[in-house]
N, C-alpha and C. Protein backbone atom coordinates (compact mmCIF):
# COMPACT_ATOMS: atom_id res chain seq x y z
N MET A 1 -33.65 -15.29 -8.62
CA MET A 1 -33.95 -15.69 -7.40
C MET A 1 -35.07 -14.92 -6.71
N ASN A 2 -36.00 -15.59 -5.98
CA ASN A 2 -36.81 -14.82 -5.43
C ASN A 2 -36.24 -14.12 -4.18
N SER A 3 -37.08 -13.38 -3.32
CA SER A 3 -37.06 -12.61 -2.28
C SER A 3 -36.67 -13.54 -0.94
N ASP A 4 -37.33 -14.54 -0.85
CA ASP A 4 -37.29 -15.41 0.17
C ASP A 4 -35.91 -16.16 0.13
N ALA A 5 -35.47 -16.47 -1.02
CA ALA A 5 -34.15 -17.13 -1.31
C ALA A 5 -32.80 -15.85 -0.87
N GLN A 6 -33.02 -14.68 -1.23
CA GLN A 6 -32.43 -13.85 -1.28
C GLN A 6 -32.10 -13.33 0.31
N PHE A 7 -33.41 -13.46 1.16
CA PHE A 7 -33.38 -13.01 2.43
C PHE A 7 -32.59 -14.14 3.25
N GLN A 8 -32.95 -15.53 2.93
CA GLN A 8 -32.07 -16.85 3.42
C GLN A 8 -30.73 -16.65 3.11
N GLU A 9 -30.26 -15.99 2.18
CA GLU A 9 -28.56 -16.15 1.70
C GLU A 9 -28.03 -15.11 2.70
N SER A 10 -28.85 -14.00 3.19
CA SER A 10 -28.17 -12.85 4.09
C SER A 10 -28.10 -13.43 5.45
N LEU A 11 -28.54 -14.74 5.68
CA LEU A 11 -28.60 -15.14 7.28
C LEU A 11 -27.76 -16.37 7.50
N SER A 12 -27.26 -16.39 8.45
CA SER A 12 -26.43 -17.40 9.04
C SER A 12 -27.14 -18.72 9.39
N LEU A 13 -26.57 -19.67 9.53
CA LEU A 13 -27.18 -20.99 9.82
C LEU A 13 -27.98 -21.05 11.70
N GLU A 14 -26.88 -20.00 12.23
CA GLU A 14 -27.67 -19.90 13.65
C GLU A 14 -28.73 -18.84 13.63
N GLN A 15 -29.07 -17.98 12.57
CA GLN A 15 -30.11 -16.86 12.93
C GLN A 15 -30.88 -17.99 11.92
N ILE A 16 -31.21 -18.85 10.78
CA ILE A 16 -32.04 -19.67 10.29
C ILE A 16 -32.66 -20.66 11.30
N GLU A 17 -31.86 -21.29 11.92
CA GLU A 17 -32.33 -22.38 12.97
C GLU A 17 -32.45 -21.73 14.21
N ASP A 18 -32.45 -20.32 14.40
CA ASP A 18 -32.48 -19.65 15.87
C ASP A 18 -31.82 -20.63 16.79
N ASN A 19 -30.61 -21.02 16.70
CA ASN A 19 -29.61 -21.48 17.45
C ASN A 19 -28.18 -21.59 17.64
N ALA A 20 -27.96 -20.38 18.62
CA ALA A 20 -26.39 -19.82 18.31
C ALA A 20 -25.68 -20.85 19.47
N TRP A 21 -24.57 -21.06 18.89
CA TRP A 21 -23.54 -21.98 19.50
C TRP A 21 -22.76 -21.23 20.23
N GLU A 22 -22.10 -21.75 21.54
CA GLU A 22 -21.01 -21.16 22.19
C GLU A 22 -19.96 -21.35 21.39
N ASP A 23 -18.81 -20.81 21.75
CA ASP A 23 -17.43 -21.19 21.31
C ASP A 23 -17.08 -22.50 21.29
N PRO A 24 -16.21 -23.04 20.05
CA PRO A 24 -16.00 -24.34 20.28
C PRO A 24 -15.09 -24.92 21.48
N PRO A 25 -15.08 -26.03 21.79
CA PRO A 25 -14.17 -26.51 23.02
C PRO A 25 -12.65 -26.45 22.68
N ALA A 26 -11.89 -26.06 23.52
CA ALA A 26 -10.47 -25.87 23.56
C ALA A 26 -10.00 -26.92 22.84
N ASP A 27 -10.40 -28.11 23.11
CA ASP A 27 -9.55 -29.41 22.14
C ASP A 27 -10.23 -29.95 21.07
N ALA A 28 -10.83 -28.92 20.48
CA ALA A 28 -11.74 -29.24 19.12
C ALA A 28 -10.86 -29.34 18.04
N THR A 29 -11.17 -29.98 16.80
CA THR A 29 -10.48 -30.64 15.95
C THR A 29 -10.65 -29.34 14.96
N ARG A 30 -9.74 -29.12 13.93
CA ARG A 30 -9.85 -28.05 12.90
C ARG A 30 -11.34 -28.27 12.34
N PRO A 31 -11.63 -29.24 11.82
CA PRO A 31 -12.97 -29.37 11.11
C PRO A 31 -14.06 -28.78 12.03
N VAL A 32 -14.19 -29.10 13.31
CA VAL A 32 -15.21 -28.96 14.40
C VAL A 32 -14.95 -27.39 14.53
N ARG A 33 -13.97 -26.83 14.60
CA ARG A 33 -13.72 -25.40 14.76
C ARG A 33 -14.15 -24.74 13.59
N THR A 34 -14.20 -24.94 12.35
CA THR A 34 -14.56 -24.26 11.13
C THR A 34 -15.96 -24.59 11.15
N VAL A 35 -16.49 -25.70 11.64
CA VAL A 35 -17.94 -25.69 11.40
C VAL A 35 -18.69 -24.46 12.26
N TYR A 36 -18.19 -24.28 13.40
CA TYR A 36 -18.67 -23.46 14.53
C TYR A 36 -18.40 -21.92 13.72
N GLN A 37 -17.44 -21.75 13.22
CA GLN A 37 -17.30 -20.44 12.35
C GLN A 37 -18.42 -20.32 11.27
N LEU A 38 -18.49 -21.22 10.47
CA LEU A 38 -19.20 -21.19 9.49
C LEU A 38 -20.81 -21.23 9.70
N ARG A 39 -21.06 -21.72 10.93
CA ARG A 39 -22.61 -21.43 11.31
C ARG A 39 -22.78 -20.09 11.66
N ARG A 40 -21.94 -19.25 11.77
CA ARG A 40 -22.05 -17.67 11.68
C ARG A 40 -22.00 -16.67 10.59
N LYS A 41 -21.26 -17.31 9.82
CA LYS A 41 -21.33 -16.88 8.24
C LYS A 41 -22.40 -16.78 7.52
N PRO A 42 -22.98 -15.73 7.00
CA PRO A 42 -24.07 -15.70 5.76
C PRO A 42 -24.12 -16.74 4.88
N ILE A 43 -25.02 -17.57 4.66
CA ILE A 43 -24.99 -18.64 3.86
C ILE A 43 -24.56 -18.45 2.41
N GLY A 44 -25.11 -17.04 1.98
CA GLY A 44 -24.85 -16.43 0.46
C GLY A 44 -23.42 -16.13 0.56
N THR A 45 -22.52 -16.03 1.38
CA THR A 45 -21.14 -15.38 1.31
C THR A 45 -20.29 -16.94 1.31
N MET A 46 -20.87 -18.10 1.53
CA MET A 46 -19.99 -19.26 1.67
C MET A 46 -19.53 -19.59 0.45
N GLN A 47 -18.35 -20.41 0.46
CA GLN A 47 -17.88 -20.84 -0.73
C GLN A 47 -18.05 -22.18 -0.65
N VAL A 48 -17.85 -22.84 -1.98
CA VAL A 48 -18.28 -24.28 -2.14
C VAL A 48 -17.71 -25.31 -1.23
N GLU A 49 -16.34 -25.03 -0.58
CA GLU A 49 -15.79 -25.72 0.05
C GLU A 49 -16.35 -25.64 1.51
N ASP A 50 -16.82 -24.52 1.68
CA ASP A 50 -17.60 -24.02 3.20
C ASP A 50 -18.88 -25.12 3.29
N LEU A 51 -19.46 -25.04 2.08
CA LEU A 51 -21.07 -26.03 1.90
C LEU A 51 -20.50 -27.34 2.05
N ARG A 52 -19.54 -27.76 1.23
CA ARG A 52 -19.22 -29.10 1.33
C ARG A 52 -18.88 -29.47 2.67
N LEU A 53 -18.08 -29.09 3.50
CA LEU A 53 -17.65 -29.11 4.88
C LEU A 53 -18.99 -29.52 5.68
N LEU A 54 -19.74 -28.41 5.67
CA LEU A 54 -21.04 -28.51 6.32
C LEU A 54 -21.84 -29.74 6.04
N LEU A 55 -22.05 -30.15 4.98
CA LEU A 55 -22.65 -30.70 4.36
C LEU A 55 -21.87 -32.57 4.93
N LEU A 56 -20.79 -32.50 4.69
CA LEU A 56 -20.20 -33.81 5.13
C LEU A 56 -20.09 -33.96 6.73
N GLN A 57 -20.26 -32.58 7.48
CA GLN A 57 -20.41 -32.73 8.90
C GLN A 57 -21.82 -32.90 9.30
N GLN A 58 -22.77 -33.01 8.37
CA GLN A 58 -24.01 -33.32 8.73
C GLN A 58 -24.70 -32.10 9.51
N GLU A 59 -24.20 -30.95 9.18
CA GLU A 59 -24.66 -29.93 10.02
C GLU A 59 -25.32 -28.62 8.98
N GLY A 60 -26.58 -28.29 9.67
CA GLY A 60 -27.47 -27.36 8.90
C GLY A 60 -27.94 -27.95 7.26
N VAL A 61 -28.08 -29.27 7.53
CA VAL A 61 -28.43 -29.85 5.96
C VAL A 61 -29.53 -29.26 5.37
N THR A 62 -30.76 -29.17 6.00
CA THR A 62 -31.96 -28.81 5.73
C THR A 62 -31.80 -27.13 5.38
N SER A 63 -31.06 -26.44 6.00
CA SER A 63 -30.88 -24.99 5.77
C SER A 63 -30.37 -24.92 4.64
N ILE A 64 -29.22 -25.33 4.35
CA ILE A 64 -28.24 -25.48 3.17
C ILE A 64 -28.83 -26.04 1.99
N THR A 65 -29.60 -27.20 2.03
CA THR A 65 -30.00 -27.81 0.85
C THR A 65 -31.23 -26.83 0.28
N CYS A 66 -31.84 -26.10 1.01
CA CYS A 66 -33.11 -25.50 0.62
C CYS A 66 -32.88 -24.60 -0.61
N GLY A 67 -31.62 -24.00 -0.30
CA GLY A 67 -30.94 -22.96 -1.28
C GLY A 67 -29.87 -23.45 -2.07
N PHE A 68 -29.45 -24.46 -1.85
CA PHE A 68 -28.22 -25.08 -2.38
C PHE A 68 -27.94 -24.82 -3.98
N VAL A 69 -29.25 -25.51 -4.76
CA VAL A 69 -28.99 -25.33 -6.22
C VAL A 69 -28.91 -23.77 -6.55
N GLU A 70 -29.75 -22.91 -6.07
CA GLU A 70 -29.50 -21.57 -6.42
C GLU A 70 -28.07 -20.94 -6.02
N ILE A 71 -27.88 -21.07 -4.88
CA ILE A 71 -26.30 -20.76 -4.31
C ILE A 71 -25.28 -21.21 -5.49
N VAL A 72 -25.14 -22.58 -5.91
CA VAL A 72 -24.24 -22.92 -6.42
C VAL A 72 -24.35 -22.61 -7.90
N SER A 73 -25.49 -22.43 -8.48
CA SER A 73 -25.65 -22.27 -9.95
C SER A 73 -25.23 -20.69 -9.99
N ASP A 74 -25.36 -19.83 -9.02
CA ASP A 74 -25.06 -18.30 -9.27
C ASP A 74 -23.42 -18.26 -9.01
N LYS A 75 -22.83 -19.25 -8.59
CA LYS A 75 -21.51 -19.28 -8.55
C LYS A 75 -20.65 -20.05 -9.87
N ARG A 76 -21.29 -20.36 -10.72
CA ARG A 76 -21.01 -21.12 -11.66
C ARG A 76 -20.03 -22.21 -11.39
N PHE A 77 -20.63 -23.11 -10.14
CA PHE A 77 -19.77 -24.45 -9.81
C PHE A 77 -19.65 -25.43 -10.48
N SER A 78 -18.67 -26.22 -10.61
CA SER A 78 -18.60 -27.40 -11.29
C SER A 78 -17.46 -28.14 -10.44
N GLY A 79 -17.59 -29.43 -9.74
CA GLY A 79 -16.81 -30.20 -9.15
C GLY A 79 -17.38 -31.36 -8.95
N ARG A 80 -16.78 -31.92 -8.01
CA ARG A 80 -16.79 -33.67 -7.87
C ARG A 80 -16.34 -33.79 -6.20
N TRP A 81 -17.27 -34.14 -5.47
CA TRP A 81 -17.02 -34.35 -4.01
C TRP A 81 -16.86 -35.82 -3.84
N LYS A 82 -15.94 -35.98 -3.12
CA LYS A 82 -16.17 -37.78 -2.67
C LYS A 82 -16.08 -37.80 -1.20
N THR A 83 -17.13 -38.43 -0.81
CA THR A 83 -17.36 -38.39 0.43
C THR A 83 -17.30 -40.48 1.05
N GLY A 84 -16.14 -40.79 1.52
CA GLY A 84 -16.29 -41.89 1.80
C GLY A 84 -16.44 -42.99 0.65
N HIS A 85 -17.39 -43.73 0.63
CA HIS A 85 -17.89 -44.65 -0.78
C HIS A 85 -19.03 -44.00 -1.58
N THR A 86 -19.22 -42.61 -1.37
CA THR A 86 -20.21 -41.98 -1.94
C THR A 86 -19.53 -41.04 -2.91
N ASN A 87 -19.92 -40.75 -4.10
CA ASN A 87 -19.15 -39.76 -4.86
C ASN A 87 -20.40 -38.97 -5.39
N ILE A 88 -20.35 -37.61 -5.31
CA ILE A 88 -21.46 -36.65 -5.60
C ILE A 88 -20.89 -35.73 -6.80
N ASP A 89 -21.23 -35.74 -8.01
CA ASP A 89 -21.05 -35.07 -8.98
C ASP A 89 -22.09 -33.97 -9.20
N VAL A 90 -21.41 -32.89 -9.31
CA VAL A 90 -22.31 -31.61 -9.53
C VAL A 90 -21.84 -30.51 -10.55
N GLU A 91 -22.58 -30.50 -11.79
CA GLU A 91 -22.28 -29.55 -12.63
C GLU A 91 -23.32 -28.61 -13.09
N ILE A 92 -23.20 -27.26 -12.74
CA ILE A 92 -24.28 -26.35 -13.28
C ILE A 92 -23.76 -25.35 -14.08
N GLN A 93 -24.13 -25.12 -15.16
CA GLN A 93 -23.50 -23.96 -16.17
C GLN A 93 -24.78 -22.97 -16.34
């Protein structure tokens, strides 16, 4: 992994996008509250479920997908995601 990817993995979406959000609204749903929390978490520490939720919510897509293959391959991820009518199969070994 190159140093640019390592640097980006140490940053949160808020840092990468230079866009800090306030706290979520009091009536926010659980997924929305989770997205707010994940925006503050360093990308390199995210679990596959974290990345899946952000992608499904279309949040941070550009920042995440730039390093997505490196992140999931480092974690030896294999899985199947179902998003409505779209199935996404990912297997990296």
